[in-house]
Amino acid sequence: MDKFGVMRAFCRIVDRGSIARAAEDLGVSSSLLSRDLKLLEESLGCRLITRTTRSMSLTEHGRLYYEQADRILQAVDLAEERVRSGAQVVRGLLRINAPHSFGTTVLADLLPRFARQYPEVQLSLIFDDNVLDLVQGGFDVAIRIRASLPDSGLISRKVMSVRQGIFASPGYLAERGCPETPEELQAHETLSYSLAETPLSWDLTGPERQVSVPISPHLRLGSSVVLRDMILADMGIGTLPNFLSDPLEAAGRITRLLPDWQLPERTIYTLAASRLSADAKVAAFTDFLAAELSGHS
């Protein structure tokens, strides 16, 4: 039994919802696909699909097998396409979506080098803190900053870790004083990168304990760049990622608070649809970004 062939046939049956349509896609007979499905179920010792004269549905075993088989086939297809695309000229329109803060402060500095390295690639950039749908938006690559990614069927790649800190301006601290413990944060004006109405908290890990500090921000902002500007304007205390805070902290324009307490790290990922992840320009960009940002955190 051709294990990969049978696996691919099974996934196509599930995707198309019928053996007949899957057989038409694959250019084989329905009887051949039915035989392959039977052999697969016999080899696994369980039924994967429940069939009636009018419909078919996955069993629990079938659902588990499909999820794993689909990932395996995507990885195999990606490996094969990466090898094939190695000799391709990197050219064409590359559509990138990234958070506004990361796009304007980090990506904007890197893209001129990418453009010089790949002169036949045209760039289309959308920087937006709203999470835009990669496929529906027509993007080739999306950049996301998350603690973890949901299982979306997209091909993801970890690019770098992002540290977060709690900051205030020297002017604010001169007027309001500097909190010495996490609990003292509640007596201060806080700023939040969030538009949610739900209660907010900052989860901190210290030398000997963890604490979740409830905050009632007097400003909720949908942009971390605007949040940074509000901190600089003495409006309160807020959290910033290191790619925004490092240059300001080095220049003495903001002060890190509670340095012995750590906020959870986040990760910067690139995302691409499986059908595009092996495209030469997409592969070139994700490889470039990973190389440029390796060791930065």
Protein backbone atom coordinates (compact mmCIF):
# COMPACT_ATOMS: atom_id res chain seq x y z
CA MET A 1 0.00 0.00 0.00
CA ASP A 2 1.33 3.44 -0.99
CA LYS A 3 0.90 5.06 2.41
CA PHE A 4 1.28 8.66 1.22
CA GLY A 5 -0.94 8.03 -1.79
CA VAL A 6 -3.69 6.50 0.33
CA MET A 7 -3.31 9.26 2.91
CA ARG A 8 -3.69 11.89 0.18
CA ALA A 9 -6.72 10.08 -1.25
CA PHE A 10 -8.37 9.96 2.18
CA CYS A 11 -7.82 13.68 2.76
CA ARG A 12 -9.21 14.50 -0.67
CA ILE A 13 -12.33 12.42 0.06
CA VAL A 14 -12.85 14.37 3.28
CA ASP A 15 -12.18 17.74 1.63
CA ARG A 16 -14.57 17.06 -1.25
CA GLY A 17 -17.24 15.34 0.81
CA SER A 18 -17.63 12.38 -1.53
CA ILE A 19 -15.61 9.57 -3.08
CA ALA A 20 -16.91 10.40 -6.56
CA ARG A 21 -15.79 14.04 -6.47
CA ALA A 22 -12.43 13.09 -4.95
CA ALA A 23 -11.90 10.46 -7.66
CA GLU A 24 -12.67 13.05 -10.34
CA ASP A 25 -10.10 15.45 -8.83
CA LEU A 26 -7.44 12.74 -8.68
CA GLY A 27 -8.22 11.31 -12.10
CA VAL A 28 -8.94 7.80 -10.85
CA SER A 29 -12.03 5.64 -10.57
CA SER A 30 -14.39 5.74 -7.60
CA SER A 31 -13.91 2.00 -7.14
CA LEU A 32 -10.16 2.49 -6.76
CA LEU A 33 -10.63 5.16 -4.09
CA SER A 34 -13.18 2.98 -2.28
CA ARG A 35 -10.66 0.15 -2.28
CA ASP A 36 -7.91 2.44 -0.94
CA LEU A 37 -10.20 3.67 1.83
CA LYS A 38 -11.07 0.10 2.78
CA LEU A 39 -7.37 -0.88 2.87
CA LEU A 40 -6.59 2.14 5.05
CA GLU A 41 -9.36 1.33 7.51
CA GLU A 42 -8.26 -2.31 7.65
CA SER A 43 -4.64 -1.34 8.28
CA LEU A 44 -5.69 0.98 11.13
CA GLY A 45 -8.24 -1.44 12.54
CA CYS A 46 -11.05 1.10 12.75
CA ARG A 47 -13.67 2.81 10.63
CA LEU A 48 -12.72 6.33 9.53
CA ILE A 49 -15.80 7.34 7.56
CA THR A 50 -19.45 6.47 8.06
CA ARG A 51 -21.19 6.25 4.69
CA THR A 52 -24.85 6.19 3.73
CA THR A 53 -26.46 6.36 0.30
CA ARG A 54 -26.76 10.14 0.59
CA SER A 55 -23.99 11.33 2.87
CA MET A 56 -20.74 10.56 4.60
CA SER A 57 -19.27 11.75 7.89
CA LEU A 58 -16.04 11.31 9.78
CA THR A 59 -15.90 9.10 12.82
CA GLU A 60 -13.89 10.33 15.82
CA HIS A 61 -10.96 8.17 14.65
CA GLY A 62 -11.39 9.60 11.17
CA ARG A 63 -11.29 13.17 12.43
CA LEU A 64 -8.08 12.55 14.38
CA TYR A 65 -6.47 10.79 11.42
CA TYR A 66 -7.48 13.56 9.02
CA GLU A 67 -6.03 16.32 11.21
CA GLN A 68 -2.65 14.59 11.46
CA ALA A 69 -2.57 13.39 7.85
CA ASP A 70 -3.38 16.86 6.53
CA ARG A 71 -0.46 18.35 8.51
CA ILE A 72 1.90 15.65 7.25
CA LEU A 73 0.89 16.17 3.62
CA GLN A 74 1.25 19.94 3.94
CA ALA A 75 4.77 19.45 5.32
CA VAL A 76 5.68 17.05 2.49
CA ASP A 77 4.29 19.44 -0.13
CA LEU A 78 6.16 22.33 1.48
CA ALA A 79 9.46 20.43 1.47
CA GLU A 80 9.06 19.46 -2.18
CA GLU A 81 8.08 22.96 -3.26
CA ARG A 82 10.95 24.52 -1.30
CA VAL A 83 13.40 22.30 -3.19
CA ARG A 84 11.77 23.06 -6.54
CA SER A 85 11.63 26.79 -5.86
CA GLY A 86 15.31 26.93 -4.91
CA ALA A 87 16.26 27.60 -8.50
CA GLN A 88 13.43 30.05 -9.15
CA VAL A 89 14.05 33.75 -9.61
CA VAL A 90 12.54 35.64 -6.69
CA ARG A 91 10.14 38.08 -8.30
CA GLY A 92 6.59 39.38 -8.23
CA LEU A 93 4.28 41.28 -5.88
CA LEU A 94 4.69 40.42 -2.17
CA ARG A 95 1.76 41.54 0.00
CA ILE A 96 2.64 41.86 3.69
CA ASN A 97 0.39 42.56 6.68
CA ALA A 98 1.97 43.47 10.03
CA PRO A 99 1.03 45.20 13.29
CA HIS A 100 1.43 48.97 12.99
CA SER A 101 3.99 49.22 15.80
CA PHE A 102 6.25 46.46 14.46
CA GLY A 103 5.81 47.55 10.86
CA THR A 104 6.73 51.19 11.38
CA THR A 105 9.60 50.66 13.82
CA VAL A 106 11.25 47.36 12.86
CA LEU A 107 10.05 46.23 9.46
CA ALA A 108 10.44 49.66 7.87
CA ASP A 109 14.14 49.60 8.76
CA LEU A 110 14.66 46.14 7.25
CA LEU A 111 12.68 46.40 4.03
CA PRO A 112 15.16 48.61 2.14
CA ARG A 113 17.78 45.86 2.56
CA PHE A 114 15.32 43.23 1.39
CA ALA A 115 14.43 45.37 -1.64
CA ARG A 116 18.10 45.75 -2.57
CA GLN A 117 18.67 42.01 -2.15
CA TYR A 118 15.60 41.10 -4.24
CA PRO A 119 15.15 43.92 -6.77
CA GLU A 120 12.53 42.04 -8.79
CA VAL A 121 10.12 41.85 -5.83
CA GLN A 122 7.50 44.59 -5.50
CA LEU A 123 6.24 45.20 -1.96
CA SER A 124 2.72 46.03 -0.84
CA LEU A 125 2.53 46.82 2.89
CA ILE A 126 -0.49 47.09 5.16
CA PHE A 127 0.33 48.00 8.77
CA ASP A 128 -2.74 47.55 10.96
CA ASP A 129 -3.21 46.60 14.60
CA ASN A 130 -6.51 44.92 13.75
CA VAL A 131 -6.07 41.22 12.96
CA LEU A 132 -6.86 41.02 9.25
CA ASP A 133 -7.71 37.70 7.64
CA LEU A 134 -4.66 36.60 5.67
CA VAL A 135 -6.49 34.67 2.97
CA GLN A 136 -9.51 36.94 2.54
CA GLY A 137 -7.27 40.00 2.60
CA GLY A 138 -5.14 38.60 -0.21
CA PHE A 139 -1.90 38.75 1.79
CA ASP A 140 1.07 36.54 1.03
CA VAL A 141 2.61 36.92 4.50
CA ALA A 142 1.23 38.14 7.81
CA ILE A 143 3.24 38.97 10.91
CA ARG A 144 1.63 38.33 14.28
CA ILE A 145 2.80 38.99 17.84
CA ARG A 146 1.26 36.45 20.18
CA ALA A 147 1.90 34.39 23.29
CA SER A 148 0.80 31.43 21.17
CA LEU A 149 -1.00 30.86 17.88
CA PRO A 150 -4.34 29.13 17.45
CA ASP A 151 -4.41 26.13 15.13
CA SER A 152 -5.48 27.85 11.91
CA GLY A 153 -4.13 25.61 9.16
CA LEU A 154 -1.64 28.34 8.20
CA ILE A 155 2.10 27.72 7.99
CA SER A 156 3.77 29.58 10.86
CA ARG A 157 7.39 30.32 11.65
CA LYS A 158 8.80 31.74 14.88
CA VAL A 159 10.96 34.76 14.15
CA MET A 160 11.92 36.23 17.52
CA SER A 161 10.85 36.59 21.12
CA VAL A 162 9.47 39.88 22.39
CA ARG A 163 10.08 41.04 25.95
CA GLN A 164 7.62 43.39 27.60
CA GLY A 165 8.17 45.86 30.40
CA ILE A 166 6.27 48.39 32.48
CA PHE A 167 7.27 52.00 31.81
CA ALA A 168 6.55 55.58 32.75
CA SER A 169 8.09 58.91 31.82
CA PRO A 170 10.43 60.77 34.19
CA GLY A 171 7.89 63.61 34.25
CA TYR A 172 5.08 61.34 35.43
CA LEU A 173 7.25 59.74 38.10
CA ALA A 174 8.42 63.14 39.37
CA GLU A 175 4.80 64.13 39.93
CA ARG A 176 3.28 60.83 41.11
CA GLY A 177 6.19 58.87 42.54
CA CYS A 178 7.57 55.48 41.57
CA PRO A 179 5.73 52.26 42.52
CA GLU A 180 7.97 49.88 44.45
CA THR A 181 5.70 46.81 44.45
CA PRO A 182 3.21 45.39 41.95
CA GLU A 183 0.33 46.23 44.27
CA GLU A 184 1.27 49.93 44.25
CA LEU A 185 0.51 50.06 40.52
CA GLN A 186 -3.19 50.20 41.40
CA ALA A 187 -2.72 53.66 42.91
CA HIS A 188 -1.42 55.03 39.60
CA GLU A 189 -2.85 56.11 36.27
CA THR A 190 -2.48 53.15 33.92
CA LEU A 191 -2.65 52.87 30.14
CA SER A 192 -3.74 49.73 28.34
CA TYR A 193 -3.18 48.37 24.84
CA SER A 194 -6.74 47.09 24.58
CA LEU A 195 -10.19 48.18 23.53
CA ALA A 196 -11.93 45.39 25.44
CA GLU A 197 -14.47 46.22 28.12
CA THR A 198 -13.53 43.20 30.21
CA PRO A 199 -11.45 43.64 33.39
CA LEU A 200 -7.74 43.86 32.72
CA SER A 201 -4.74 42.72 34.69
CA TRP A 202 -0.98 42.57 34.40
CA ASP A 203 0.46 39.14 35.20
CA LEU A 204 3.88 39.49 36.80
CA THR A 205 6.49 36.95 37.85
CA GLY A 206 8.92 38.01 40.56
CA PRO A 207 11.84 36.42 42.36
CA GLU A 208 9.62 34.54 44.80
CA ARG A 209 6.02 34.78 43.65
CA GLN A 210 3.60 35.45 40.83
CA VAL A 211 0.91 38.09 41.03
CA SER A 212 -1.93 39.28 38.82
CA VAL A 213 -2.48 43.00 39.28
CA PRO A 214 -5.95 44.28 38.31
CA ILE A 215 -5.80 47.61 36.53
CA SER A 216 -8.46 50.17 35.64
CA PRO A 217 -6.86 52.08 32.79
CA HIS A 218 -8.02 55.62 32.21
CA LEU A 219 -6.94 55.22 28.58
CA ARG A 220 -7.52 52.10 26.48
CA LEU A 221 -5.68 52.33 23.20
CA GLY A 222 -5.84 50.23 20.05
CA SER A 223 -2.29 51.13 19.03
CA SER A 224 0.89 50.45 20.97
CA VAL A 225 2.54 53.35 19.11
CA VAL A 226 -0.09 55.73 20.50
CA LEU A 227 0.32 54.09 23.92
CA ARG A 228 4.05 54.82 23.71
CA ASP A 229 3.30 58.44 22.86
CA MET A 230 0.92 58.73 25.82
CA ILE A 231 3.61 57.42 28.15
CA LEU A 232 6.02 60.01 26.75
CA ALA A 233 3.36 62.68 27.33
CA ASP A 234 3.31 61.91 31.10
CA MET A 235 -0.18 60.41 30.87
CA GLY A 236 0.50 57.31 32.96
CA ILE A 237 2.11 53.89 33.28
CA GLY A 238 1.89 51.31 30.51
CA THR A 239 3.49 48.21 29.06
CA LEU A 240 5.63 48.28 25.91
CA PRO A 241 7.38 45.64 23.80
CA ASN A 242 11.15 45.91 23.77
CA PHE A 243 11.34 46.96 20.12
CA LEU A 244 9.48 50.14 21.14
CA SER A 245 10.97 50.65 24.59
CA ASP A 246 14.69 49.93 24.09
CA PRO A 247 15.66 53.13 22.22
CA LEU A 248 13.57 55.32 24.51
CA GLU A 249 14.95 53.71 27.66
CA ALA A 250 18.52 54.07 26.37
CA ALA A 251 17.87 57.77 25.73
CA GLY A 252 16.44 58.27 29.22
CA ARG A 253 13.02 59.26 27.90
CA ILE A 254 11.20 56.48 29.77
CA THR A 255 11.96 54.57 32.96
CA ARG A 256 11.49 50.84 33.49
CA LEU A 257 9.43 50.09 36.60
CA LEU A 258 9.67 46.99 38.80
CA PRO A 259 12.69 45.60 36.90
CA ASP A 260 12.74 42.43 39.03
CA TRP A 261 9.23 41.55 37.84
CA GLN A 262 8.65 40.03 34.42
CA LEU A 263 5.63 40.16 32.13
CA PRO A 264 4.97 37.12 29.90
CA GLU A 265 7.06 37.00 26.75
CA ARG A 266 5.45 37.02 23.34
CA THR A 267 6.64 35.66 20.02
CA ILE A 268 6.74 37.19 16.57
CA TYR A 269 5.50 34.75 13.93
CA THR A 270 5.25 34.87 10.17
CA LEU A 271 2.14 33.25 8.73
CA ALA A 272 1.48 32.11 5.18
CA ALA A 273 -1.23 30.02 3.59
CA SER A 274 0.03 26.51 2.90
CA ARG A 275 -0.39 26.95 -0.85
CA LEU A 276 1.83 30.08 -0.76
CA SER A 277 4.41 29.21 1.89
CA ALA A 278 6.74 27.59 -0.66
CA ASP A 279 6.43 30.47 -3.14
CA ALA A 280 9.94 31.78 -3.84
CA LYS A 281 9.26 35.36 -2.76
CA VAL A 282 7.42 34.27 0.40
CA ALA A 283 10.22 31.87 1.34
CA ALA A 284 12.82 34.56 0.61
CA PHE A 285 11.06 37.08 2.85
CA THR A 286 10.52 34.73 5.80
CA ASP A 287 14.13 33.51 5.58
CA PHE A 288 15.37 37.13 5.37
CA LEU A 289 13.30 38.24 8.37
CA ALA A 290 14.38 35.27 10.49
CA ALA A 291 18.05 35.89 9.65
CA GLU A 292 17.87 39.63 10.34
CA LEU A 293 16.10 39.21 13.67
CA SER A 294 17.90 36.11 14.94
CA GLY A 295 19.50 36.85 18.28
CA HIS A 296 17.34 39.93 18.83
CA SER A 297 14.95 39.78 21.76
